[in-house]
């Protein structure tokens, strides 16, 4: 992290540069979300008692991951003779790069940008003293707030462009679900209660939901 919803909205902002190339914006948003799917590996390791070191902000946050994503979809696009798949790969590469840069700028942990060749790169050496509560807020509450805002932004686009109308009911359900989770965990945090495992599990559900909702609403993204 930082918040995957922020990353997704950064991906949405690339619409100014992606133009009318089909699936390019879709790829940029998916690429902005994808690196933090490595938290699934962290969760599996945690539940099975394995080591979590080196699972987060390594391969999926590496420039080599960008190269692999672009190359794989370039080959698929060439074989299928369908430029959309190539555009998707370029978009993924752009989104992953933006994700890495945002992590470097607004998060306090570093990124293994040149994994497996180099060490951790970070603009912040450590989390500033006295901001432990802010750290917990980011880890256990604000994730859900920004997921909700991202879904609201998608819904706003759908209403503006008249697309994916049949899906808006489900989108609103997930949006309010995310806002409700934010309210619940924020209140618990104010009360001095922390539920890292529960919030972490719901975070994984949320990031997978955001990933698949983005794919489901590709018509809206193409119209943007």
Foldseek 3Di string as FASTA:
>chain_A
DQALLVLLVVLLVCCVPLDLQALLSLLQNLLSLPLQLLVVVLVVCVVVVHDNPPSHQAPLLELVVLVVLLVVQVVVCVVVVNCNSNSSSNSNSNSSPVNQVCCQPPPQFFHNHHPPPDDTDHPHPGDDPPCVLVVLLSQQAVSLVSLLVSLVVLLVLCVVQVPPPVCVVVSVVSSVVSVVSNVVRVVCSVVVHDDNVVSSVVSSVSSVVSSVVSVVSSVSSSSD
